Amino acid sequence: ARENDSYYEVAYKARKQTVISAKNLMEKHPELMSEYTKVKIGE
């Protein structure tokens, strides 16, 4: 920065969003599909 005791931090970070594949869930764990279809994925 113009002041000798300061600086600017430029943060350019990534936020990767991951999702649960409904197709994979149906193929590998069909018993969970009916229980979690209407529930938030966080649960």
PDB file of all heavy atoms in Angstrom:
ATOM      1  N   ALA A   1       0.846  -1.194   0.000  1.00  0.00           N
ATOM      2  CA  ALA A   1       0.000   0.000   0.000  1.00  0.00           C
ATOM      3  C   ALA A   1       0.880   1.242   0.000  1.00  0.00           C
ATOM      4  O   ALA A   1       2.108   1.174   0.131  1.00  0.00           O
ATOM      5  CB  ALA A   1      -0.897  -0.010   1.231  1.00  0.00           C
ATOM      6  N   ARG A   2       0.260   2.398  -0.166  1.00  0.00           N
ATOM      7  CA  ARG A   2       1.010   3.660  -0.168  1.00  0.00           C
ATOM      8  C   ARG A   2       1.685   3.869   1.183  1.00  0.00           C
ATOM      9  O   ARG A   2       2.765   4.443   1.264  1.00  0.00           O
ATOM     10  CB  ARG A   2       0.077   4.830  -0.486  1.00  0.00           C
ATOM     11  CG  ARG A   2      -0.504   4.768  -1.909  1.00  0.00           C
ATOM     12  CD  ARG A   2      -1.434   5.946  -2.159  1.00  0.00           C
ATOM     13  NE  ARG A   2      -2.133   5.825  -3.443  1.00  0.00           N
ATOM     14  CZ  ARG A   2      -1.643   6.266  -4.600  1.00  0.00           C
ATOM     15  NH1 ARG A   2      -0.462   6.859  -4.622  1.00  0.00           N
ATOM     16  NH2 ARG A   2      -2.334   6.124  -5.710  1.00  0.00           N
ATOM     17  N   GLU A   3       0.987   3.419   2.245  1.00  0.00           N
ATOM     18  CA  GLU A   3       1.596   3.513   3.568  1.00  0.00           C
ATOM     19  C   GLU A   3       2.595   2.359   3.711  1.00  0.00           C
ATOM     20  O   GLU A   3       2.295   1.227   3.363  1.00  0.00           O
ATOM     21  CB  GLU A   3       0.534   3.394   4.665  1.00  0.00           C
ATOM     22  CG  GLU A   3      -0.602   4.414   4.555  1.00  0.00           C
ATOM     23  CD  GLU A   3      -1.750   3.898   3.701  1.00  0.00           C
ATOM     24  OE1 GLU A   3      -1.589   2.818   3.083  1.00  0.00           O
ATOM     25  OE2 GLU A   3      -2.788   4.581   3.636  1.00  0.00           O
ATOM     26  N   ASN A   4       3.762   2.656   4.243  1.00  0.00           N
ATOM     27  CA  ASN A   4       4.813   1.642   4.324  1.00  0.00           C
ATOM     28  C   ASN A   4       4.474   0.475   5.245  1.00  0.00           C
ATOM     29  O   ASN A   4       5.053  -0.605   5.132  1.00  0.00           O
ATOM     30  CB  ASN A   4       6.133   2.278   4.797  1.00  0.00           C
ATOM     31  CG  ASN A   4       6.712   3.199   3.737  1.00  0.00           C
ATOM     32  OD1 ASN A   4       6.496   2.969   2.546  1.00  0.00           O
ATOM     33  ND2 ASN A   4       7.419   4.241   4.172  1.00  0.00           N
ATOM     34  N   ASP A   5       3.541   0.694   6.187  1.00  0.00           N
ATOM     35  CA  ASP A   5       3.245  -0.355   7.158  1.00  0.00           C
ATOM     36  C   ASP A   5       2.072  -1.240   6.745  1.00  0.00           C
ATOM     37  O   ASP A   5       1.629  -2.084   7.511  1.00  0.00           O
ATOM     38  CB  ASP A   5       2.958   0.264   8.531  1.00  0.00           C
ATOM     39  CG  ASP A   5       1.709   1.144   8.512  1.00  0.00           C
ATOM     40  OD1 ASP A   5       1.299   1.564   7.402  1.00  0.00           O
ATOM     41  OD2 ASP A   5       1.142   1.407   9.590  1.00  0.00           O
ATOM     42  N   SER A   6       1.544  -1.061   5.533  1.00  0.00           N
ATOM     43  CA  SER A   6       0.349  -1.801   5.107  1.00  0.00           C
ATOM     44  C   SER A   6       0.536  -2.441   3.735  1.00  0.00           C
ATOM     45  O   SER A   6       1.416  -2.054   2.960  1.00  0.00           O
ATOM     46  CB  SER A   6      -0.871  -0.878   5.063  1.00  0.00           C
ATOM     47  OG  SER A   6      -1.096  -0.260   6.315  1.00  0.00           O
ATOM     48  N   TYR A   7      -0.312  -3.410   3.466  1.00  0.00           N
ATOM     49  CA  TYR A   7      -0.333  -4.046   2.143  1.00  0.00           C
ATOM     50  C   TYR A   7      -1.748  -4.536   1.852  1.00  0.00           C
ATOM     51  O   TYR A   7      -2.596  -4.627   2.757  1.00  0.00           O
ATOM     52  CB  TYR A   7       0.642  -5.231   2.086  1.00  0.00           C
ATOM     53  CG  TYR A   7       0.212  -6.437   2.888  1.00  0.00           C
ATOM     54  CD1 TYR A   7      -0.419  -7.522   2.284  1.00  0.00           C
ATOM     55  CD2 TYR A   7       0.439  -6.505   4.262  1.00  0.00           C
ATOM     56  CE1 TYR A   7      -0.811  -8.621   3.017  1.00  0.00           C
ATOM     57  CE2 TYR A   7       0.053  -7.596   4.999  1.00  0.00           C
ATOM     58  CZ  TYR A   7      -0.578  -8.662   4.384  1.00  0.00           C
ATOM     59  OH  TYR A   7      -0.976  -9.751   5.110  1.00  0.00           O
ATOM     60  N   TYR A   8      -2.020  -4.827   0.590  1.00  0.00           N
ATOM     61  CA  TYR A   8      -3.303  -5.391   0.181  1.00  0.00           C
ATOM     62  C   TYR A   8      -3.137  -6.885  -0.071  1.00  0.00           C
ATOM     63  O   TYR A   8      -2.236  -7.297  -0.793  1.00  0.00           O
ATOM     64  CB  TYR A   8      -3.822  -4.727  -1.094  1.00  0.00           C
ATOM     65  CG  TYR A   8      -4.268  -3.301  -0.897  1.00  0.00           C
ATOM     66  CD1 TYR A   8      -3.421  -2.240  -1.210  1.00  0.00           C
ATOM     67  CD2 TYR A   8      -5.532  -3.015  -0.396  1.00  0.00           C
ATOM     68  CE1 TYR A   8      -3.816  -0.929  -1.031  1.00  0.00           C
ATOM     69  CE2 TYR A   8      -5.949  -1.702  -0.215  1.00  0.00           C
ATOM     70  CZ  TYR A   8      -5.081  -0.666  -0.531  1.00  0.00           C
ATOM     71  OH  TYR A   8      -5.486   0.631  -0.339  1.00  0.00           O
ATOM     72  N   GLU A   9      -4.018  -7.659   0.528  1.00  0.00           N
ATOM     73  CA  GLU A   9      -4.031  -9.088   0.251  1.00  0.00           C
ATOM     74  C   GLU A   9      -5.094  -9.351  -0.815  1.00  0.00           C
ATOM     75  O   GLU A   9      -6.268  -8.991  -0.654  1.00  0.00           O
ATOM     76  CB  GLU A   9      -4.374  -9.885   1.505  1.00  0.00           C
ATOM     77  CG  GLU A   9      -4.439 -11.394   1.259  1.00  0.00           C
ATOM     78  CD  GLU A   9      -4.973 -12.163   2.447  1.00  0.00           C
ATOM     79  OE1 GLU A   9      -6.219 -12.160   2.639  1.00  0.00           O
ATOM     80  OE2 GLU A   9      -4.163 -12.741   3.186  1.00  0.00           O
ATOM     81  N   VAL A  10      -4.684  -9.968  -1.906  1.00  0.00           N
ATOM     82  CA  VAL A  10      -5.607 -10.323  -2.978  1.00  0.00           C
ATOM     83  C   VAL A  10      -5.857 -11.822  -2.892  1.00  0.00           C
ATOM     84  O   VAL A  10      -4.963 -12.629  -3.164  1.00  0.00           O
ATOM     85  CB  VAL A  10      -5.023  -9.963  -4.363  1.00  0.00           C
ATOM     86  CG1 VAL A  10      -6.032 -10.319  -5.459  1.00  0.00           C
ATOM     87  CG2 VAL A  10      -4.662  -8.487  -4.421  1.00  0.00           C
ATOM     88  N   ALA A  11      -7.047 -12.184  -2.461  1.00  0.00           N
ATOM     89  CA  ALA A  11      -7.415 -13.602  -2.336  1.00  0.00           C
ATOM     90  C   ALA A  11      -8.236 -14.004  -3.550  1.00  0.00           C
ATOM     91  O   ALA A  11      -9.260 -13.387  -3.858  1.00  0.00           O
ATOM     92  CB  ALA A  11      -8.210 -13.828  -1.056  1.00  0.00           C
ATOM     93  N   TYR A  12      -7.763 -15.023  -4.262  1.00  0.00           N
ATOM     94  CA  TYR A  12      -8.456 -15.508  -5.461  1.00  0.00           C
ATOM     95  C   TYR A  12      -8.599 -17.023  -5.323  1.00  0.00           C
ATOM     96  O   TYR A  12      -7.914 -17.791  -5.974  1.00  0.00           O
ATOM     97  CB  TYR A  12      -7.653 -15.121  -6.704  1.00  0.00           C
ATOM     98  CG  TYR A  12      -8.368 -15.378  -8.008  1.00  0.00           C
ATOM     99  CD1 TYR A  12      -9.699 -14.994  -8.190  1.00  0.00           C
ATOM    100  CD2 TYR A  12      -7.717 -16.004  -9.065  1.00  0.00           C
ATOM    101  CE1 TYR A  12     -10.355 -15.227  -9.381  1.00  0.00           C
ATOM    102  CE2 TYR A  12      -8.364 -16.233 -10.279  1.00  0.00           C
ATOM    103  CZ  TYR A  12      -9.678 -15.842 -10.415  1.00  0.00           C
ATOM    104  OH  TYR A  12     -10.334 -16.073 -11.606  1.00  0.00           O
ATOM    105  N   LYS A  13      -9.507 -17.395  -4.422  1.00  0.00           N
ATOM    106  CA  LYS A  13      -9.608 -18.798  -4.035  1.00  0.00           C
ATOM    107  C   LYS A  13     -10.772 -19.502  -4.731  1.00  0.00           C
ATOM    108  O   LYS A  13     -11.731 -18.866  -5.159  1.00  0.00           O
ATOM    109  CB  LYS A  13      -9.760 -18.906  -2.510  1.00  0.00           C
ATOM    110  CG  LYS A  13      -8.547 -18.341  -1.772  1.00  0.00           C
ATOM    111  CD  LYS A  13      -8.697 -18.475  -0.277  1.00  0.00           C
ATOM    112  CE  LYS A  13      -7.462 -17.921   0.432  1.00  0.00           C
ATOM    113  NZ  LYS A  13      -7.563 -18.018   1.894  1.00  0.00           N
ATOM    114  N   ALA A  14     -10.643 -20.807  -4.814  1.00  0.00           N
ATOM    115  CA  ALA A  14     -11.648 -21.622  -5.496  1.00  0.00           C
ATOM    116  C   ALA A  14     -12.647 -22.181  -4.503  1.00  0.00           C
ATOM    117  O   ALA A  14     -12.304 -22.508  -3.376  1.00  0.00           O
ATOM    118  CB  ALA A  14     -10.974 -22.763  -6.242  1.00  0.00           C
ATOM    119  N   ARG A  15     -13.871 -22.251  -4.950  1.00  0.00           N
ATOM    120  CA  ARG A  15     -14.912 -22.913  -4.163  1.00  0.00           C
ATOM    121  C   ARG A  15     -15.524 -23.993  -5.039  1.00  0.00           C
ATOM    122  O   ARG A  15     -16.330 -23.708  -5.917  1.00  0.00           O
ATOM    123  CB  ARG A  15     -15.985 -21.912  -3.725  1.00  0.00           C
ATOM    124  CG  ARG A  15     -15.515 -20.964  -2.643  1.00  0.00           C
ATOM    125  CD  ARG A  15     -16.618 -20.028  -2.247  1.00  0.00           C
ATOM    126  NE  ARG A  15     -16.965 -19.134  -3.348  1.00  0.00           N
ATOM    127  CZ  ARG A  15     -17.954 -18.239  -3.287  1.00  0.00           C
ATOM    128  NH1 ARG A  15     -18.690 -18.155  -2.211  1.00  0.00           N
ATOM    129  NH2 ARG A  15     -18.208 -17.458  -4.305  1.00  0.00           N
ATOM    130  N   LYS A  16     -15.103 -25.216  -4.802  1.00  0.00           N
ATOM    131  CA  LYS A  16     -15.590 -26.333  -5.607  1.00  0.00           C
ATOM    132  C   LYS A  16     -16.869 -26.886  -5.001  1.00  0.00           C
ATOM    133  O   LYS A  16     -16.900 -27.216  -3.817  1.00  0.00           O
ATOM    134  CB  LYS A  16     -14.531 -27.427  -5.697  1.00  0.00           C
ATOM    135  CG  LYS A  16     -13.289 -26.999  -6.460  1.00  0.00           C
ATOM    136  CD  LYS A  16     -12.301 -28.152  -6.581  1.00  0.00           C
ATOM    137  CE  LYS A  16     -11.060 -27.718  -7.359  1.00  0.00           C
ATOM    138  NZ  LYS A  16     -10.089 -28.822  -7.484  1.00  0.00           N
ATOM    139  N   GLN A  17     -17.891 -26.965  -5.802  1.00  0.00           N
ATOM    140  CA  GLN A  17     -19.167 -27.499  -5.338  1.00  0.00           C
ATOM    141  C   GLN A  17     -19.286 -28.959  -5.743  1.00  0.00           C
ATOM    142  O   GLN A  17     -19.133 -29.312  -6.905  1.00  0.00           O
ATOM    143  CB  GLN A  17     -20.329 -26.710  -5.952  1.00  0.00           C
ATOM    144  CG  GLN A  17     -21.684 -27.167  -5.443  1.00  0.00           C
ATOM    145  CD  GLN A  17     -22.821 -26.400  -6.103  1.00  0.00           C
ATOM    146  OE1 GLN A  17     -22.587 -25.555  -6.949  1.00  0.00           O
ATOM    147  NE2 GLN A  17     -24.034 -26.722  -5.719  1.00  0.00           N
ATOM    148  N   THR A  18     -19.530 -29.808  -4.751  1.00  0.00           N
ATOM    149  CA  THR A  18     -19.709 -31.227  -5.037  1.00  0.00           C
ATOM    150  C   THR A  18     -21.163 -31.610  -4.829  1.00  0.00           C
ATOM    151  O   THR A  18     -21.843 -31.055  -3.964  1.00  0.00           O
ATOM    152  CB  THR A  18     -18.818 -32.103  -4.138  1.00  0.00           C
ATOM    153  OG1 THR A  18     -19.131 -31.817  -2.778  1.00  0.00           O
ATOM    154  CG2 THR A  18     -17.348 -31.831  -4.410  1.00  0.00           C
ATOM    155  N   VAL A  19     -21.628 -32.529  -5.627  1.00  0.00           N
ATOM    156  CA  VAL A  19     -23.012 -33.000  -5.517  1.00  0.00           C
ATOM    157  C   VAL A  19     -23.010 -34.514  -5.403  1.00  0.00           C
ATOM    158  O   VAL A  19     -22.045 -35.179  -5.771  1.00  0.00           O
ATOM    159  CB  VAL A  19     -23.846 -32.578  -6.747  1.00  0.00           C
ATOM    160  CG1 VAL A  19     -23.982 -31.083  -6.812  1.00  0.00           C
ATOM    161  CG2 VAL A  19     -23.238 -33.128  -8.033  1.00  0.00           C
ATOM    162  N   ILE A  20     -24.116 -35.044  -4.880  1.00  0.00           N
ATOM    163  CA  ILE A  20     -24.279 -36.488  -4.802  1.00  0.00           C
ATOM    164  C   ILE A  20     -24.967 -36.944  -6.084  1.00  0.00           C
ATOM    165  O   ILE A  20     -26.060 -36.466  -6.416  1.00  0.00           O
ATOM    166  CB  ILE A  20     -25.129 -36.894  -3.581  1.00  0.00           C
ATOM    167  CG1 ILE A  20     -24.519 -36.331  -2.297  1.00  0.00           C
ATOM    168  CG2 ILE A  20     -25.252 -38.407  -3.496  1.00  0.00           C
ATOM    169  CD1 ILE A  20     -23.136 -36.828  -2.008  1.00  0.00           C
ATOM    170  N   SER A  21     -24.354 -37.836  -6.802  1.00  0.00           N
ATOM    171  CA  SER A  21     -24.930 -38.343  -8.043  1.00  0.00           C
ATOM    172  C   SER A  21     -26.134 -39.219  -7.743  1.00  0.00           C
ATOM    173  O   SER A  21     -26.019 -40.265  -7.111  1.00  0.00           O
ATOM    174  CB  SER A  21     -23.885 -39.154  -8.818  1.00  0.00           C
ATOM    175  OG  SER A  21     -24.501 -39.859  -9.876  1.00  0.00           O
ATOM    176  N   ALA A  22     -27.316 -38.778  -8.183  1.00  0.00           N
ATOM    177  CA  ALA A  22     -28.541 -39.547  -7.955  1.00  0.00           C
ATOM    178  C   ALA A  22     -28.468 -40.897  -8.673  1.00  0.00           C
ATOM    179  O   ALA A  22     -28.951 -41.915  -8.168  1.00  0.00           O
ATOM    180  CB  ALA A  22     -29.751 -38.760  -8.432  1.00  0.00           C
ATOM    181  N   LYS A  23     -27.836 -40.898  -9.852  1.00  0.00           N
ATOM    182  CA  LYS A  23     -27.708 -42.131 -10.615  1.00  0.00           C
ATOM    183  C   LYS A  23     -26.858 -43.155  -9.855  1.00  0.00           C
ATOM    184  O   LYS A  23     -27.228 -44.324  -9.722  1.00  0.00           O
ATOM    185  CB  LYS A  23     -27.075 -41.828 -11.981  1.00  0.00           C
ATOM    186  CG  LYS A  23     -26.939 -43.050 -12.875  1.00  0.00           C
ATOM    187  CD  LYS A  23     -26.287 -42.679 -14.192  1.00  0.00           C
ATOM    188  CE  LYS A  23     -26.088 -43.917 -15.066  1.00  0.00           C
ATOM    189  NZ  LYS A  23     -25.388 -43.605 -16.334  1.00  0.00           N
ATOM    190  N   ASN A  24     -25.705 -42.682  -9.336  1.00  0.00           N
ATOM    191  CA  ASN A  24     -24.839 -43.575  -8.569  1.00  0.00           C
ATOM    192  C   ASN A  24     -25.502 -44.058  -7.283  1.00  0.00           C
ATOM    193  O   ASN A  24     -25.336 -45.197  -6.866  1.00  0.00           O
ATOM    194  CB  ASN A  24     -23.516 -42.878  -8.235  1.00  0.00           C
ATOM    195  CG  ASN A  24     -22.660 -42.682  -9.467  1.00  0.00           C
ATOM    196  OD1 ASN A  24     -22.869 -43.334 -10.489  1.00  0.00           O
ATOM    197  ND2 ASN A  24     -21.699 -41.772  -9.377  1.00  0.00           N
ATOM    198  N   LEU A  25     -26.256 -43.132  -6.653  1.00  0.00           N
ATOM    199  CA  LEU A  25     -26.944 -43.493  -5.415  1.00  0.00           C
ATOM    200  C   LEU A  25     -27.981 -44.582  -5.684  1.00  0.00           C
ATOM    201  O   LEU A  25     -28.113 -45.537  -4.912  1.00  0.00           O
ATOM    202  CB  LEU A  25     -27.618 -42.257  -4.800  1.00  0.00           C
ATOM    203  CG  LEU A  25     -28.282 -42.431  -3.431  1.00  0.00           C
ATOM    204  CD1 LEU A  25     -27.266 -42.847  -2.383  1.00  0.00           C
ATOM    205  CD2 LEU A  25     -28.985 -41.150  -3.013  1.00  0.00           C
ATOM    206  N   MET A  26     -28.711 -44.449  -6.779  1.00  0.00           N
ATOM    207  CA  MET A  26     -29.721 -45.446  -7.140  1.00  0.00           C
ATOM    208  C   MET A  26     -29.075 -46.796  -7.448  1.00  0.00           C
ATOM    209  O   MET A  26     -29.570 -47.852  -7.053  1.00  0.00           O
ATOM    210  CB  MET A  26     -30.528 -44.955  -8.342  1.00  0.00           C
ATOM    211  CG  MET A  26     -31.524 -45.984  -8.881  1.00  0.00           C
ATOM    212  SD  MET A  26     -32.762 -46.461  -7.651  1.00  0.00           S
ATOM    213  CE  MET A  26     -33.937 -45.121  -7.851  1.00  0.00           C
ATOM    214  N   GLU A  27     -27.933 -46.761  -8.158  1.00  0.00           N
ATOM    215  CA  GLU A  27     -27.274 -48.007  -8.551  1.00  0.00           C
ATOM    216  C   GLU A  27     -26.628 -48.721  -7.374  1.00  0.00           C
ATOM    217  O   GLU A  27     -26.734 -49.942  -7.243  1.00  0.00           O
ATOM    218  CB  GLU A  27     -26.215 -47.711  -9.623  1.00  0.00           C
ATOM    219  CG  GLU A  27     -26.798 -47.319 -10.971  1.00  0.00           C
ATOM    220  CD  GLU A  27     -25.721 -46.938 -11.975  1.00  0.00           C
ATOM    221  OE1 GLU A  27     -24.525 -46.892 -11.574  1.00  0.00           O
ATOM    222  OE2 GLU A  27     -26.052 -46.680 -13.147  1.00  0.00           O
ATOM    223  N   LYS A  28     -25.954 -47.938  -6.496  1.00  0.00           N
ATOM    224  CA  LYS A  28     -25.153 -48.562  -5.443  1.00  0.00           C
ATOM    225  C   LYS A  28     -25.876 -48.660  -4.096  1.00  0.00           C
ATOM    226  O   LYS A  28     -25.582 -49.540  -3.293  1.00  0.00           O
ATOM    227  CB  LYS A  28     -23.844 -47.791  -5.275  1.00  0.00           C
ATOM    228  CG  LYS A  28     -22.982 -47.826  -6.537  1.00  0.00           C
ATOM    229  CD  LYS A  28     -21.689 -47.063  -6.336  1.00  0.00           C
ATOM    230  CE  LYS A  28     -20.826 -47.087  -7.607  1.00  0.00           C
ATOM    231  NZ  LYS A  28     -19.560 -46.346  -7.437  1.00  0.00           N
ATOM    232  N   HIS A  29     -26.796 -47.716  -3.831  1.00  0.00           N
ATOM    233  CA  HIS A  29     -27.505 -47.734  -2.542  1.00  0.00           C
ATOM    234  C   HIS A  29     -28.982 -47.393  -2.752  1.00  0.00           C
ATOM    235  O   HIS A  29     -29.471 -46.360  -2.268  1.00  0.00           O
ATOM    236  CB  HIS A  29     -26.860 -46.739  -1.559  1.00  0.00           C
ATOM    237  CG  HIS A  29     -25.427 -47.019  -1.279  1.00  0.00           C
ATOM    238  ND1 HIS A  29     -25.023 -47.978  -0.370  1.00  0.00           N
ATOM    239  CD2 HIS A  29     -24.293 -46.483  -1.810  1.00  0.00           C
ATOM    240  CE1 HIS A  29     -23.698 -48.009  -0.347  1.00  0.00           C
ATOM    241  NE2 HIS A  29     -23.231 -47.126  -1.210  1.00  0.00           N
ATOM    242  N   PRO A  30     -29.737 -48.225  -3.471  1.00  0.00           N
ATOM    243  CA  PRO A  30     -31.152 -47.930  -3.752  1.00  0.00           C
ATOM    244  C   PRO A  30     -32.002 -47.817  -2.494  1.00  0.00           C
ATOM    245  O   PRO A  30     -33.016 -47.128  -2.487  1.00  0.00           O
ATOM    246  CB  PRO A  30     -31.589 -49.122  -4.613  1.00  0.00           C
ATOM    247  CG  PRO A  30     -30.613 -50.213  -4.305  1.00  0.00           C
ATOM    248  CD  PRO A  30     -29.310 -49.523  -4.040  1.00  0.00           C
ATOM    249  N   GLU A  31     -31.575 -48.467  -1.403  1.00  0.00           N
ATOM    250  CA  GLU A  31     -32.356 -48.432  -0.169  1.00  0.00           C
ATOM    251  C   GLU A  31     -32.405 -47.034   0.449  1.00  0.00           C
ATOM    252  O   GLU A  31     -33.282 -46.732   1.268  1.00  0.00           O
ATOM    253  CB  GLU A  31     -31.787 -49.439   0.856  1.00  0.00           C
ATOM    254  CG  GLU A  31     -30.485 -49.013   1.526  1.00  0.00           C
ATOM    255  CD  GLU A  31     -29.248 -49.233   0.650  1.00  0.00           C
ATOM    256  OE1 GLU A  31     -29.396 -49.694  -0.508  1.00  0.00           O
ATOM    257  OE2 GLU A  31     -28.140 -48.944   1.128  1.00  0.00           O
ATOM    258  N   LEU A  32     -31.456 -46.144   0.060  1.00  0.00           N
ATOM    259  CA  LEU A  32     -31.413 -44.793   0.625  1.00  0.00           C
ATOM    260  C   LEU A  32     -32.228 -43.792  -0.183  1.00  0.00           C
ATOM    261  O   LEU A  32     -32.519 -42.699   0.293  1.00  0.00           O
ATOM    262  CB  LEU A  32     -29.960 -44.299   0.716  1.00  0.00           C
ATOM    263  CG  LEU A  32     -29.022 -45.100   1.622  1.00  0.00           C
ATOM    264  CD1 LEU A  32     -27.619 -44.518   1.573  1.00  0.00           C
ATOM    265  CD2 LEU A  32     -29.538 -45.101   3.058  1.00  0.00           C
ATOM    266  N   MET A  33     -32.589 -44.143  -1.406  1.00  0.00           N
ATOM    267  CA  MET A  33     -33.276 -43.191  -2.286  1.00  0.00           C
ATOM    268  C   MET A  33     -34.619 -42.749  -1.721  1.00  0.00           C
ATOM    269  O   MET A  33     -34.928 -41.561  -1.676  1.00  0.00           O
ATOM    270  CB  MET A  33     -33.483 -43.807  -3.676  1.00  0.00           C
ATOM    271  CG  MET A  33     -32.238 -43.819  -4.540  1.00  0.00           C
ATOM    272  SD  MET A  33     -31.620 -42.157  -4.932  1.00  0.00           S
ATOM    273  CE  MET A  33     -32.884 -41.603  -6.075  1.00  0.00           C
ATOM    274  N   SER A  34     -35.429 -43.702  -1.256  1.00  0.00           N
ATOM    275  CA  SER A  34     -36.757 -43.350  -0.761  1.00  0.00           C
ATOM    276  C   SER A  34     -36.677 -42.559   0.532  1.00  0.00           C
ATOM    277  O   SER A  34     -37.508 -41.699   0.809  1.00  0.00           O
ATOM    278  CB  SER A  34     -37.590 -44.610  -0.543  1.00  0.00           C
ATOM    279  OG  SER A  34     -36.942 -45.464   0.378  1.00  0.00           O
ATOM    280  N   GLU A  35     -35.649 -42.828   1.331  1.00  0.00           N
ATOM    281  CA  GLU A  35     -35.526 -42.174   2.640  1.00  0.00           C
ATOM    282  C   GLU A  35     -35.052 -40.733   2.519  1.00  0.00           C
ATOM    283  O   GLU A  35     -35.433 -39.883   3.311  1.00  0.00           O
ATOM    284  CB  GLU A  35     -34.553 -42.971   3.515  1.00  0.00           C
ATOM    285  CG  GLU A  35     -34.455 -42.448   4.950  1.00  0.00           C
ATOM    286  CD  GLU A  35     -33.490 -43.262   5.796  1.00  0.00           C
ATOM    287  OE1 GLU A  35     -33.022 -44.323   5.312  1.00  0.00           O
ATOM    288  OE2 GLU A  35     -33.213 -42.838   6.916  1.00  0.00           O
ATOM    289  N   TYR A  36     -34.228 -40.441   1.504  1.00  0.00           N
ATOM    290  CA  TYR A  36     -33.602 -39.122   1.437  1.00  0.00           C
ATOM    291  C   TYR A  36     -34.001 -38.304   0.213  1.00  0.00           C
ATOM    292  O   TYR A  36     -33.416 -37.286  -0.061  1.00  0.00           O
ATOM    293  CB  TYR A  36     -32.076 -39.264   1.466  1.00  0.00           C
ATOM    294  CG  TYR A  36     -31.568 -39.673   2.827  1.00  0.00           C
ATOM    295  CD1 TYR A  36     -31.356 -41.005   3.137  1.00  0.00           C
ATOM    296  CD2 TYR A  36     -31.345 -38.723   3.818  1.00  0.00           C
ATOM    297  CE1 TYR A  36     -30.920 -41.382   4.396  1.00  0.00           C
ATOM    298  CE2 TYR A  36     -30.909 -39.085   5.076  1.00  0.00           C
ATOM    299  CZ  TYR A  36     -30.694 -40.420   5.359  1.00  0.00           C
ATOM    300  OH  TYR A  36     -30.259 -40.781   6.615  1.00  0.00           O
ATOM    301  N   THR A  37     -35.048 -38.733  -0.518  1.00  0.00           N
ATOM    302  CA  THR A  37     -35.426 -37.955  -1.693  1.00  0.00           C
ATOM    303  C   THR A  37     -35.869 -36.536  -1.357  1.00  0.00           C
ATOM    304  O   THR A  37     -35.535 -35.605  -2.047  1.00  0.00           O
ATOM    305  CB  THR A  37     -36.597 -38.622  -2.456  1.00  0.00           C
ATOM    306  OG1 THR A  37     -37.220 -39.530  -1.629  1.00  0.00           O
ATOM    307  CG2 THR A  37     -36.195 -39.179  -3.735  1.00  0.00           C
ATOM    308  N   LYS A  38     -36.635 -36.370  -0.270  1.00  0.00           N
ATOM    309  CA  LYS A  38     -37.191 -35.064   0.058  1.00  0.00           C
ATOM    310  C   LYS A  38     -36.458 -34.393   1.221  1.00  0.00           C
ATOM    311  O   LYS A  38     -36.907 -33.399   1.753  1.00  0.00           O
ATOM    312  CB  LYS A  38     -38.674 -35.203   0.409  1.00  0.00           C
ATOM    313  CG  LYS A  38     -39.519 -35.665  -0.763  1.00  0.00           C
ATOM    314  CD  LYS A  38     -40.977 -35.708  -0.377  1.00  0.00           C
ATOM    315  CE  LYS A  38     -41.835 -36.149  -1.540  1.00  0.00           C
ATOM    316  NZ  LYS A  38     -43.268 -36.224  -1.193  1.00  0.00           N
ATOM    317  N   VAL A  39     -35.339 -34.958   1.603  1.00  0.00           N
ATOM    318  CA  VAL A  39     -34.594 -34.407   2.735  1.00  0.00           C
ATOM    319  C   VAL A  39     -33.366 -33.682   2.218  1.00  0.00           C
ATOM    320  O   VAL A  39     -32.812 -34.048   1.200  1.00  0.00           O
ATOM    321  CB  VAL A  39     -34.175 -35.531   3.704  1.00  0.00           C
ATOM    322  CG1 VAL A  39     -33.468 -34.986   4.914  1.00  0.00           C
ATOM    323  CG2 VAL A  39     -35.388 -36.324   4.128  1.00  0.00           C
ATOM    324  N   LYS A  40     -32.944 -32.655   2.909  1.00  0.00           N
ATOM    325  CA  LYS A  40     -31.744 -31.921   2.503  1.00  0.00           C
ATOM    326  C   LYS A  40     -30.545 -32.855   2.438  1.00  0.00           C
ATOM    327  O   LYS A  40     -30.372 -33.734   3.280  1.00  0.00           O
ATOM    328  CB  LYS A  40     -31.468 -30.785   3.492  1.00  0.00           C
ATOM    329  CG  LYS A  40     -32.503 -29.679   3.424  1.00  0.00           C
ATOM    330  CD  LYS A  40     -32.161 -28.577   4.394  1.00  0.00           C
ATOM    331  CE  LYS A  40     -33.183 -27.450   4.312  1.00  0.00           C
ATOM    332  NZ  LYS A  40     -32.896 -26.380   5.269  1.00  0.00           N
ATOM    333  N   ILE A  41     -29.696 -32.622   1.436  1.00  0.00           N
ATOM    334  CA  ILE A  41     -28.551 -33.502   1.204  1.00  0.00           C
ATOM    335  C   ILE A  41     -27.602 -33.489   2.398  1.00  0.00           C
ATOM    336  O   ILE A  41     -26.883 -34.449   2.636  1.00  0.00           O
ATOM    337  CB  ILE A  41     -27.814 -33.104  -0.094  1.00  0.00           C
ATOM    338  CG1 ILE A  41     -26.993 -34.274  -0.626  1.00  0.00           C
ATOM    339  CG2 ILE A  41     -26.945 -31.880   0.113  1.00  0.00           C
ATOM    340  CD1 ILE A  41     -27.805 -35.437  -1.067  1.00  0.00           C
ATOM    341  N   GLY A  42     -27.611 -32.386   3.172  1.00  0.00           N
ATOM    342  CA  GLY A  42     -26.750 -32.301   4.347  1.00  0.00           C
ATOM    343  C   GLY A  42     -27.043 -33.406   5.349  1.00  0.00           C
ATOM    344  O   GLY A  42     -26.147 -33.894   6.034  1.00  0.00           O
ATOM    345  N   GLU A  43     -28.319 -33.821   5.447  1.00  0.00           N
ATOM    346  CA  GLU A  43     -28.681 -34.880   6.387  1.00  0.00           C
ATOM    347  C   GLU A  43     -28.133 -36.229   5.921  1.00  0.00           C
ATOM    348  O   GLU A  43     -27.743 -37.067   6.724  1.00  0.00           O
ATOM    349  CB  GLU A  43     -30.197 -34.926   6.551  1.00  0.00           C
ATOM    350  CG  GLU A  43     -30.747 -33.649   7.176  1.00  0.00           C
ATOM    351  CD  GLU A  43     -32.215 -33.772   7.534  1.00  0.00           C
ATOM    352  OE1 GLU A  43     -32.697 -34.907   7.707  1.00  0.00           O
ATOM    353  OE2 GLU A  43     -32.887 -32.727   7.640  1.00  0.00           O
TER     354      GLU A  43
END
